[in-house]
Amino acid sequence: MTSKENLKNRFISEYERAVEQFRDELLSDGIQPDIYQGMPEPHLPIVGKTYYEAKYQLAFYGIDTYGWGDLPDFLNKAKKSIEDAILSGQSSLDNQECLGWVNNSHNSFWDFIFQFLAVFYHVPLNEIMEKQHPEIIQSFVWGNTNAIERYTVSAQGAGVSEDIYDKVKRASKIFDGASRIINSVNPKVIIVLNWSEAEEWLTAFKDKTNVLKQELNDHFIYYYLRDSNTHIFWTAHPRWLSMKVGFKEQIQMIVGKFKEFNIWNELPPEQYTSLPTKEDIPTDKSSMEYKRGLIAKLATFLTETNTVISGGDLANIFNRNGIRSQYGEEYDPHGRGIYVVIKKTWEYFHGEKNDGSMAYNIARSFTNAAGEYAYD
């Protein structure tokens, strides 16, 4: 199974039980879906189909939707196929339907996203709006901090009683919060465009000692979640930004922080040719591909922090995390096998990939018991 397949399965698995609980709560005691006529369905995060292999994994979160779907249809779908219910909004990104959701004032949530993507990927905005780059539109996660819209958005006008609305809203709380999207597809960066949302939307499920918070500007806060390596840029809704800051200025500030905080080793090239993708590494922990990927990430971290570890230390890390040798055995911290893996990884990046920088990182990061290069 590839990392792409694994991420998609994790996303579906993360929301399966929540959708089941939501469905069963609303349909308890023989209640039929039609009683919820006029209610919108919950907006679950939508993961674009190129997100899974995209190098730059971004998520954009707004406040709520406007007349999103139909709750009776959603419940009937969830009775037949939970997966179909979870993926019911997929066409909004995959078929680029969202490109029609901008407004004449160009100050909407979607106007901000498209302008952000144009700046980030160095692509003319008109090309995005003319559907010339579906791979970019399909490369991010779209979510909302509230799965069910406010009562006044659409339910009230459709004649839904407040009692029915409150019941659905309470049941939908199981979808709210950042934990599910982080636990499943773990975006590297989440941009939250809802200043009125409580901080607990992000931090309620986290040990506060693992959350770094920094105020960057008026209506602009940065959070870093240490345990998931997630960067959150929290700012106001685009309508406020368009009046008080300006889209261009806010986008430049956010992208500037990407560089300053070294979130990625490099940002998209100034000449766009195609969507930058990450190497698709099998998730079989004992495969050589997985070991190479892990060693490369460790080597990058060790080089950046000017530290080293021994082959024995690496063997202990492998063993503790269920990473086995080609024979299915644990690595001997004092044996030769772990050094063979380090050497083969160095040879792979030095020779096959012609990546001298990564080869150097590996060479200087792993030592033998005497403190000498581990790959010699």
Protein backbone atom coordinates (compact mmCIF):
# COMPACT_ATOMS: atom_id res chain seq x y z
CA MET A 1 0.00 0.00 0.00
CA THR A 2 1.39 3.42 -0.96
CA SER A 3 1.34 6.48 1.27
CA LYS A 4 -1.37 7.96 -1.01
CA GLU A 5 -3.63 4.95 -0.50
CA ASN A 6 -2.87 4.87 3.21
CA LEU A 7 -3.74 8.55 3.72
CA LYS A 8 -7.06 8.23 1.89
CA ASN A 9 -7.99 5.13 3.90
CA ARG A 10 -7.04 6.92 7.12
CA PHE A 11 -9.28 9.84 6.19
CA ILE A 12 -12.28 7.59 5.55
CA SER A 13 -11.62 5.54 8.69
CA GLU A 14 -11.35 8.70 10.82
CA TYR A 15 -14.82 9.89 9.77
CA GLU A 16 -16.60 6.52 9.45
CA ARG A 17 -17.48 6.08 13.10
CA ALA A 18 -18.37 9.76 13.49
CA VAL A 19 -20.83 9.60 10.58
CA GLU A 20 -22.31 6.40 11.99
CA GLN A 21 -22.80 8.04 15.38
CA PHE A 22 -24.31 11.17 13.80
CA ARG A 23 -26.69 9.07 11.67
CA ASP A 24 -27.74 6.79 14.52
CA GLU A 25 -28.35 9.69 16.90
CA LEU A 26 -30.64 11.47 14.43
CA LEU A 27 -32.47 8.31 13.40
CA SER A 28 -32.92 6.75 16.84
CA ASP A 29 -36.30 5.36 17.91
CA GLY A 30 -37.41 4.80 14.33
CA ILE A 31 -37.19 8.45 13.26
CA GLN A 32 -37.16 8.80 9.45
CA PRO A 33 -34.81 11.16 7.55
CA ASP A 34 -37.68 13.24 6.13
CA ILE A 35 -38.30 14.83 9.53
CA TYR A 36 -35.18 16.90 8.84
CA GLN A 37 -36.49 18.37 5.60
CA GLY A 38 -34.94 21.78 4.95
CA MET A 39 -31.82 21.13 7.05
CA PRO A 40 -28.44 21.32 5.33
CA GLU A 41 -26.15 18.33 5.67
CA PRO A 42 -22.90 18.49 7.66
CA HIS A 43 -19.95 19.77 5.71
CA LEU A 44 -17.13 17.29 6.19
CA PRO A 45 -13.63 18.26 5.09
CA ILE A 46 -13.04 17.65 1.39
CA VAL A 47 -9.62 16.36 0.38
CA GLY A 48 -8.76 17.06 -3.26
CA LYS A 49 -7.63 14.07 -5.26
CA THR A 50 -4.11 15.39 -5.91
CA TYR A 51 -3.59 16.34 -2.24
CA TYR A 52 -2.31 12.91 -1.35
CA GLU A 53 0.76 13.18 -3.57
CA ALA A 54 1.21 16.97 -3.34
CA LYS A 55 4.48 18.17 -1.88
CA TYR A 56 2.79 21.20 -0.29
CA GLN A 57 -0.14 19.88 1.73
CA LEU A 58 -2.37 22.81 2.64
CA ALA A 59 -5.79 23.07 4.27
CA PHE A 60 -8.11 26.08 4.27
CA TYR A 61 -10.84 26.38 6.93
CA GLY A 62 -13.71 28.85 6.81
CA ILE A 63 -16.68 29.54 9.10
CA ASP A 64 -19.49 27.46 7.58
CA THR A 65 -21.26 26.83 4.29
CA TYR A 66 -24.38 28.33 2.68
CA GLY A 67 -27.14 25.81 2.04
CA TRP A 68 -24.80 22.82 1.89
CA GLY A 69 -26.56 19.72 0.58
CA ASP A 70 -29.65 18.11 2.04
CA LEU A 71 -29.67 16.33 5.39
CA PRO A 72 -32.35 13.72 4.52
CA ASP A 73 -30.33 12.75 1.42
CA PHE A 74 -27.16 12.55 3.51
CA LEU A 75 -28.80 10.31 6.11
CA ASN A 76 -30.27 8.02 3.45
CA LYS A 77 -26.86 7.79 1.81
CA ALA A 78 -25.22 7.03 5.17
CA LYS A 79 -27.70 4.17 5.69
CA LYS A 80 -26.43 2.52 2.49
CA SER A 81 -22.75 3.51 2.35
CA ILE A 82 -20.86 5.48 4.98
CA GLU A 83 -18.00 6.06 2.54
CA ASP A 84 -20.32 7.58 -0.07
CA ALA A 85 -21.69 9.95 2.56
CA ILE A 86 -18.18 10.99 3.63
CA LEU A 87 -17.12 11.69 0.04
CA SER A 88 -20.38 13.27 -1.10
CA GLY A 89 -18.88 16.74 -1.61
CA GLN A 90 -15.82 15.59 -3.54
CA SER A 91 -16.87 17.13 -6.85
CA SER A 92 -16.58 20.65 -5.41
CA LEU A 93 -12.79 20.37 -5.70
CA ASP A 94 -12.22 17.48 -8.09
CA ASN A 95 -14.60 18.94 -10.71
CA GLN A 96 -13.59 22.52 -9.88
CA GLU A 97 -17.16 23.51 -9.00
CA CYS A 98 -15.75 25.87 -6.37
CA LEU A 99 -14.45 28.18 -9.10
CA GLY A 100 -18.04 29.39 -9.50
CA TRP A 101 -18.35 30.42 -5.86
CA VAL A 102 -16.52 33.76 -5.97
CA ASN A 103 -18.46 37.03 -5.65
CA ASN A 104 -18.53 40.27 -7.62
CA SER A 105 -16.63 42.14 -4.91
CA HIS A 106 -13.84 39.52 -4.93
CA ASN A 107 -13.74 39.49 -1.13
CA SER A 108 -15.11 36.01 -0.48
CA PHE A 109 -13.53 32.96 1.13
CA TRP A 110 -12.97 31.42 -2.30
CA ASP A 111 -11.56 34.61 -3.81
CA PHE A 112 -8.92 34.55 -1.07
CA ILE A 113 -8.05 30.89 -1.67
CA PHE A 114 -7.66 31.29 -5.42
CA GLN A 115 -5.54 34.40 -5.02
CA PHE A 116 -3.44 32.62 -2.42
CA LEU A 117 -2.86 29.63 -4.70
CA ALA A 118 -1.95 31.92 -7.61
CA VAL A 119 0.70 33.69 -5.51
CA PHE A 120 2.01 30.53 -3.85
CA TYR A 121 2.40 28.52 -7.05
CA HIS A 122 3.37 31.51 -9.25
CA VAL A 123 0.45 30.98 -11.62
CA PRO A 124 -1.62 33.81 -13.18
CA LEU A 125 -4.96 34.07 -11.39
CA ASN A 126 -6.87 34.13 -14.68
CA GLU A 127 -5.42 30.72 -15.59
CA ILE A 128 -6.75 29.25 -12.35
CA MET A 129 -10.18 30.84 -12.86
CA GLU A 130 -10.29 29.55 -16.46
CA LYS A 131 -9.80 25.97 -15.21
CA GLN A 132 -6.35 25.59 -16.73
CA HIS A 133 -4.87 24.11 -13.53
CA PRO A 134 -7.25 21.51 -12.07
CA GLU A 135 -4.30 19.85 -10.33
CA ILE A 136 -3.89 22.95 -8.13
CA ILE A 137 -7.59 23.18 -7.26
CA GLN A 138 -7.50 19.49 -6.33
CA SER A 139 -4.37 19.79 -4.17
CA PHE A 140 -5.72 21.08 -0.84
CA VAL A 141 -8.20 20.34 1.94
CA TRP A 142 -11.32 22.47 2.30
CA GLY A 143 -13.03 22.47 5.67
CA ASN A 144 -15.10 24.65 7.98
CA THR A 145 -14.84 25.19 11.70
CA ASN A 146 -18.60 24.48 11.92
CA ALA A 147 -19.89 21.37 10.16
CA ILE A 148 -23.49 22.62 10.37
CA GLU A 149 -24.31 26.14 9.26
CA ARG A 150 -25.75 28.78 11.57
CA TYR A 151 -29.52 28.61 11.87
CA THR A 152 -30.03 31.92 10.08
CA VAL A 153 -27.99 30.89 7.02
CA SER A 154 -30.49 28.51 5.44
CA ALA A 155 -32.46 26.38 7.95
CA GLN A 156 -34.56 29.24 9.30
CA GLY A 157 -35.63 30.36 5.83
CA ALA A 158 -36.53 26.76 4.95
CA GLY A 159 -38.96 26.60 7.88
CA VAL A 160 -36.91 24.29 10.10
CA SER A 161 -37.90 24.57 13.77
CA GLU A 162 -35.27 25.67 16.26
CA ASP A 163 -35.72 22.41 18.19
CA ILE A 164 -34.86 20.32 15.11
CA TYR A 165 -31.96 22.60 14.26
CA ASP A 166 -30.55 22.43 17.80
CA LYS A 167 -30.76 18.65 17.78
CA VAL A 168 -28.80 18.41 14.52
CA LYS A 169 -26.30 21.05 15.61
CA ARG A 170 -25.57 19.16 18.84
CA ALA A 171 -25.10 15.90 16.98
CA SER A 172 -22.77 17.57 14.46
CA LYS A 173 -20.29 18.63 17.14
CA ILE A 174 -18.61 15.28 16.64
CA PHE A 175 -17.25 16.62 13.34
CA ASP A 176 -15.98 19.97 14.68
CA GLY A 177 -12.40 20.62 15.76
CA ALA A 178 -9.04 20.16 14.08
CA SER A 179 -8.23 16.75 15.53
CA ARG A 180 -9.81 14.56 12.84
CA ILE A 181 -8.14 16.20 9.85
CA ILE A 182 -4.78 16.23 11.63
CA ASN A 183 -5.11 12.61 12.74
CA SER A 184 -6.00 11.47 9.24
CA VAL A 185 -4.33 13.41 6.43
CA ASN A 186 -2.28 15.78 8.63
CA PRO A 187 -1.85 18.92 6.49
CA LYS A 188 1.53 20.55 6.91
CA VAL A 189 -0.19 23.96 7.01
CA ILE A 190 -3.74 24.87 8.03
CA ILE A 191 -4.97 28.38 7.26
CA VAL A 192 -7.99 29.25 9.42
CA LEU A 193 -10.11 32.15 8.13
CA ASN A 194 -12.48 32.59 11.06
CA TRP A 195 -11.46 34.99 13.81
CA SER A 196 -14.65 34.40 15.83
CA GLU A 197 -13.90 30.71 16.44
CA ALA A 198 -12.61 29.77 19.90
CA GLU A 199 -9.01 28.64 20.19
CA GLU A 200 -10.27 25.35 21.64
CA TRP A 201 -11.26 24.33 18.10
CA LEU A 202 -7.56 23.71 17.63
CA THR A 203 -6.17 23.06 21.10
CA ALA A 204 -8.90 21.14 22.97
CA PHE A 205 -7.43 17.77 22.04
CA LYS A 206 -3.80 18.78 22.57
CA ASP A 207 -1.43 18.83 25.53
CA LYS A 208 -0.87 22.59 25.84
CA THR A 209 2.86 22.02 26.34
CA ASN A 210 2.94 20.78 22.73
CA VAL A 211 1.34 23.96 21.35
CA LEU A 212 3.47 26.97 20.46
CA LYS A 213 1.55 30.23 20.00
CA GLN A 214 2.87 33.48 18.55
CA GLU A 215 0.91 36.63 17.74
CA LEU A 216 2.18 37.92 14.41
CA ASN A 217 -0.06 40.90 13.72
CA ASP A 218 -3.56 42.25 14.26
CA HIS A 219 -5.96 39.34 13.64
CA PHE A 220 -3.06 37.06 12.76
CA ILE A 221 -1.77 34.28 15.05
CA TYR A 222 0.61 31.39 14.39
CA TYR A 223 0.38 28.05 16.18
CA TYR A 224 2.77 25.13 15.95
CA LEU A 225 1.68 21.67 17.11
CA ARG A 226 4.88 19.88 18.06
CA ASP A 227 3.60 16.32 18.16
CA SER A 228 2.04 16.40 14.67
CA ASN A 229 4.42 18.96 13.10
CA THR A 230 1.45 21.07 12.02
CA HIS A 231 1.67 24.81 11.32
CA ILE A 232 -1.52 26.87 11.71
CA PHE A 233 -1.96 30.43 10.49
CA TRP A 234 -5.14 31.81 12.05
CA THR A 235 -6.59 35.01 10.71
CA ALA A 236 -9.88 36.80 10.03
CA HIS A 237 -12.53 36.04 7.43
CA PRO A 238 -11.62 37.38 3.96
CA ARG A 239 -14.35 40.06 4.12
CA TRP A 240 -12.54 41.63 7.10
CA LEU A 241 -9.15 41.14 5.48
CA SER A 242 -10.25 42.84 2.28
CA MET A 243 -11.32 45.96 4.23
CA LYS A 244 -8.57 46.14 6.87
CA VAL A 245 -5.45 44.57 5.38
CA GLY A 246 -5.92 43.58 1.76
CA PHE A 247 -5.63 40.10 0.29
CA LYS A 248 -2.29 40.77 -1.36
CA GLU A 249 -0.68 41.98 1.85
CA GLN A 250 -2.06 39.13 4.00
CA ILE A 251 -1.04 36.48 1.48
CA GLN A 252 2.46 37.92 1.28
CA MET A 253 2.69 37.86 5.07
CA ILE A 254 1.64 34.22 5.25
CA VAL A 255 3.98 33.06 2.47
CA GLY A 256 6.74 35.14 4.04
CA LYS A 257 6.25 33.23 7.29
CA PHE A 258 6.50 29.96 5.36
CA LYS A 259 10.01 31.04 4.40
CA GLU A 260 10.93 32.50 7.78
CA PHE A 261 9.81 29.41 9.70
CA ASN A 262 11.40 27.07 7.13
CA ILE A 263 8.21 25.02 6.91
CA TRP A 264 9.46 23.45 3.69
CA ASN A 265 13.06 23.28 2.51
CA GLU A 266 12.00 25.17 -0.58
CA LEU A 267 8.83 26.80 -1.88
CA PRO A 268 7.37 26.27 -5.39
CA PRO A 269 9.64 27.46 -8.22
CA GLU A 270 8.88 30.82 -9.77
CA GLN A 271 8.31 29.15 -13.14
CA TYR A 272 5.32 26.83 -12.76
CA THR A 273 5.37 23.70 -14.90
CA SER A 274 3.43 21.12 -12.89
CA LEU A 275 2.22 20.45 -9.36
CA PRO A 276 5.23 19.62 -7.17
CA THR A 277 4.78 16.16 -5.73
CA LYS A 278 6.42 14.20 -2.95
CA GLU A 279 8.06 10.84 -3.46
CA ASP A 280 5.45 8.12 -2.97
CA ILE A 281 6.94 5.88 -0.29
CA PRO A 282 5.32 2.53 0.58
CA THR A 283 3.99 2.44 4.12
CA ASP A 284 5.37 -1.05 4.77
CA LYS A 285 7.67 -0.06 7.61
CA SER A 286 10.13 -2.83 6.87
CA SER A 287 10.59 -1.95 3.20
CA MET A 288 13.87 -0.40 2.14
CA GLU A 289 11.94 2.53 0.66
CA TYR A 290 10.41 3.33 4.04
CA LYS A 291 13.76 3.02 5.83
CA ARG A 292 15.43 5.34 3.32
CA GLY A 293 12.70 7.93 3.77
CA LEU A 294 12.95 7.79 7.56
CA ILE A 295 16.75 7.95 7.57
CA ALA A 296 16.65 10.93 5.20
CA LYS A 297 14.22 12.82 7.46
CA LEU A 298 16.29 12.02 10.55
CA ALA A 299 19.46 13.11 8.77
CA THR A 300 17.88 16.44 7.80
CA PHE A 301 16.82 17.09 11.40
CA LEU A 302 20.21 16.06 12.82
CA THR A 303 22.07 18.28 10.36
CA GLU A 304 19.84 21.28 11.11
CA THR A 305 20.39 20.83 14.86
CA ASN A 306 24.11 19.99 14.52
CA THR A 307 23.70 16.66 16.30
CA VAL A 308 24.50 13.02 15.53
CA ILE A 309 23.33 9.58 16.59
CA SER A 310 25.03 6.20 16.38
CA GLY A 311 23.96 3.24 14.33
CA GLY A 312 23.01 1.58 17.60
CA ASP A 313 20.68 4.48 18.41
CA LEU A 314 19.08 4.11 14.99
CA ALA A 315 18.65 0.37 15.55
CA ASN A 316 16.81 1.09 18.80
CA ILE A 317 14.53 3.56 17.00
CA PHE A 318 13.78 0.97 14.32
CA ASN A 319 13.09 -1.77 16.85
CA ARG A 320 10.85 0.40 19.02
CA ASN A 321 8.72 1.30 16.01
CA GLY A 322 8.35 -2.17 14.54
CA ILE A 323 10.78 -1.63 11.66
CA ARG A 324 12.36 -5.00 10.94
CA SER A 325 15.20 -6.37 8.82
CA GLN A 326 14.58 -8.09 5.49
CA TYR A 327 14.41 -11.33 7.49
CA GLY A 328 11.68 -10.00 9.80
CA GLU A 329 14.01 -9.69 12.78
CA GLU A 330 14.91 -6.82 15.09
CA TYR A 331 18.17 -4.99 14.45
CA ASP A 332 21.09 -5.71 16.77
CA PRO A 333 22.30 -2.32 18.10
CA HIS A 334 25.81 -3.76 18.12
CA GLY A 335 25.52 -5.66 14.85
CA ARG A 336 26.46 -4.93 11.26
CA GLY A 337 22.93 -4.95 9.78
CA ILE A 338 21.96 -1.40 10.73
CA TYR A 339 25.17 -0.03 9.21
CA VAL A 340 24.42 -1.84 5.97
CA VAL A 341 21.07 0.00 5.84
CA ILE A 342 22.77 3.36 6.45
CA LYS A 343 25.37 2.64 3.77
CA LYS A 344 22.76 1.57 1.21
CA THR A 345 20.73 4.71 1.95
CA TRP A 346 23.82 6.89 1.45
CA GLU A 347 24.58 5.09 -1.83
CA TYR A 348 20.99 5.57 -2.99
CA PHE A 349 21.03 9.35 -2.52
CA HIS A 350 24.65 9.78 -3.63
CA GLY A 351 24.42 7.61 -6.73
CA GLU A 352 20.90 6.82 -7.92
CA LYS A 353 19.30 10.13 -6.85
CA ASN A 354 22.42 12.25 -7.40
CA ASP A 355 21.44 14.20 -4.29
CA GLY A 356 24.77 15.27 -2.83
CA SER A 357 23.16 17.41 -0.14
CA MET A 358 21.14 14.53 1.32
CA ALA A 359 24.11 12.16 1.01
CA TYR A 360 26.17 14.64 3.03
CA ASN A 361 23.44 14.90 5.69
CA ILE A 362 23.41 11.12 6.08
CA ALA A 363 27.20 10.88 6.18
CA ARG A 364 27.61 13.43 8.96
CA SER A 365 24.54 12.38 11.00
CA PHE A 366 25.16 8.70 11.71
CA THR A 367 28.28 7.38 13.39
CA ASN A 368 29.64 4.08 14.61
CA ALA A 369 30.50 3.38 18.23
CA ALA A 370 33.85 5.12 17.77
CA GLY A 371 32.22 8.29 16.42
CA GLU A 372 33.39 7.63 12.84
CA TYR A 373 31.31 7.73 9.66
CA ALA A 374 28.80 4.91 9.82
CA TYR A 375 28.78 4.19 6.09
CA ASP A 376 32.52 3.50 5.73
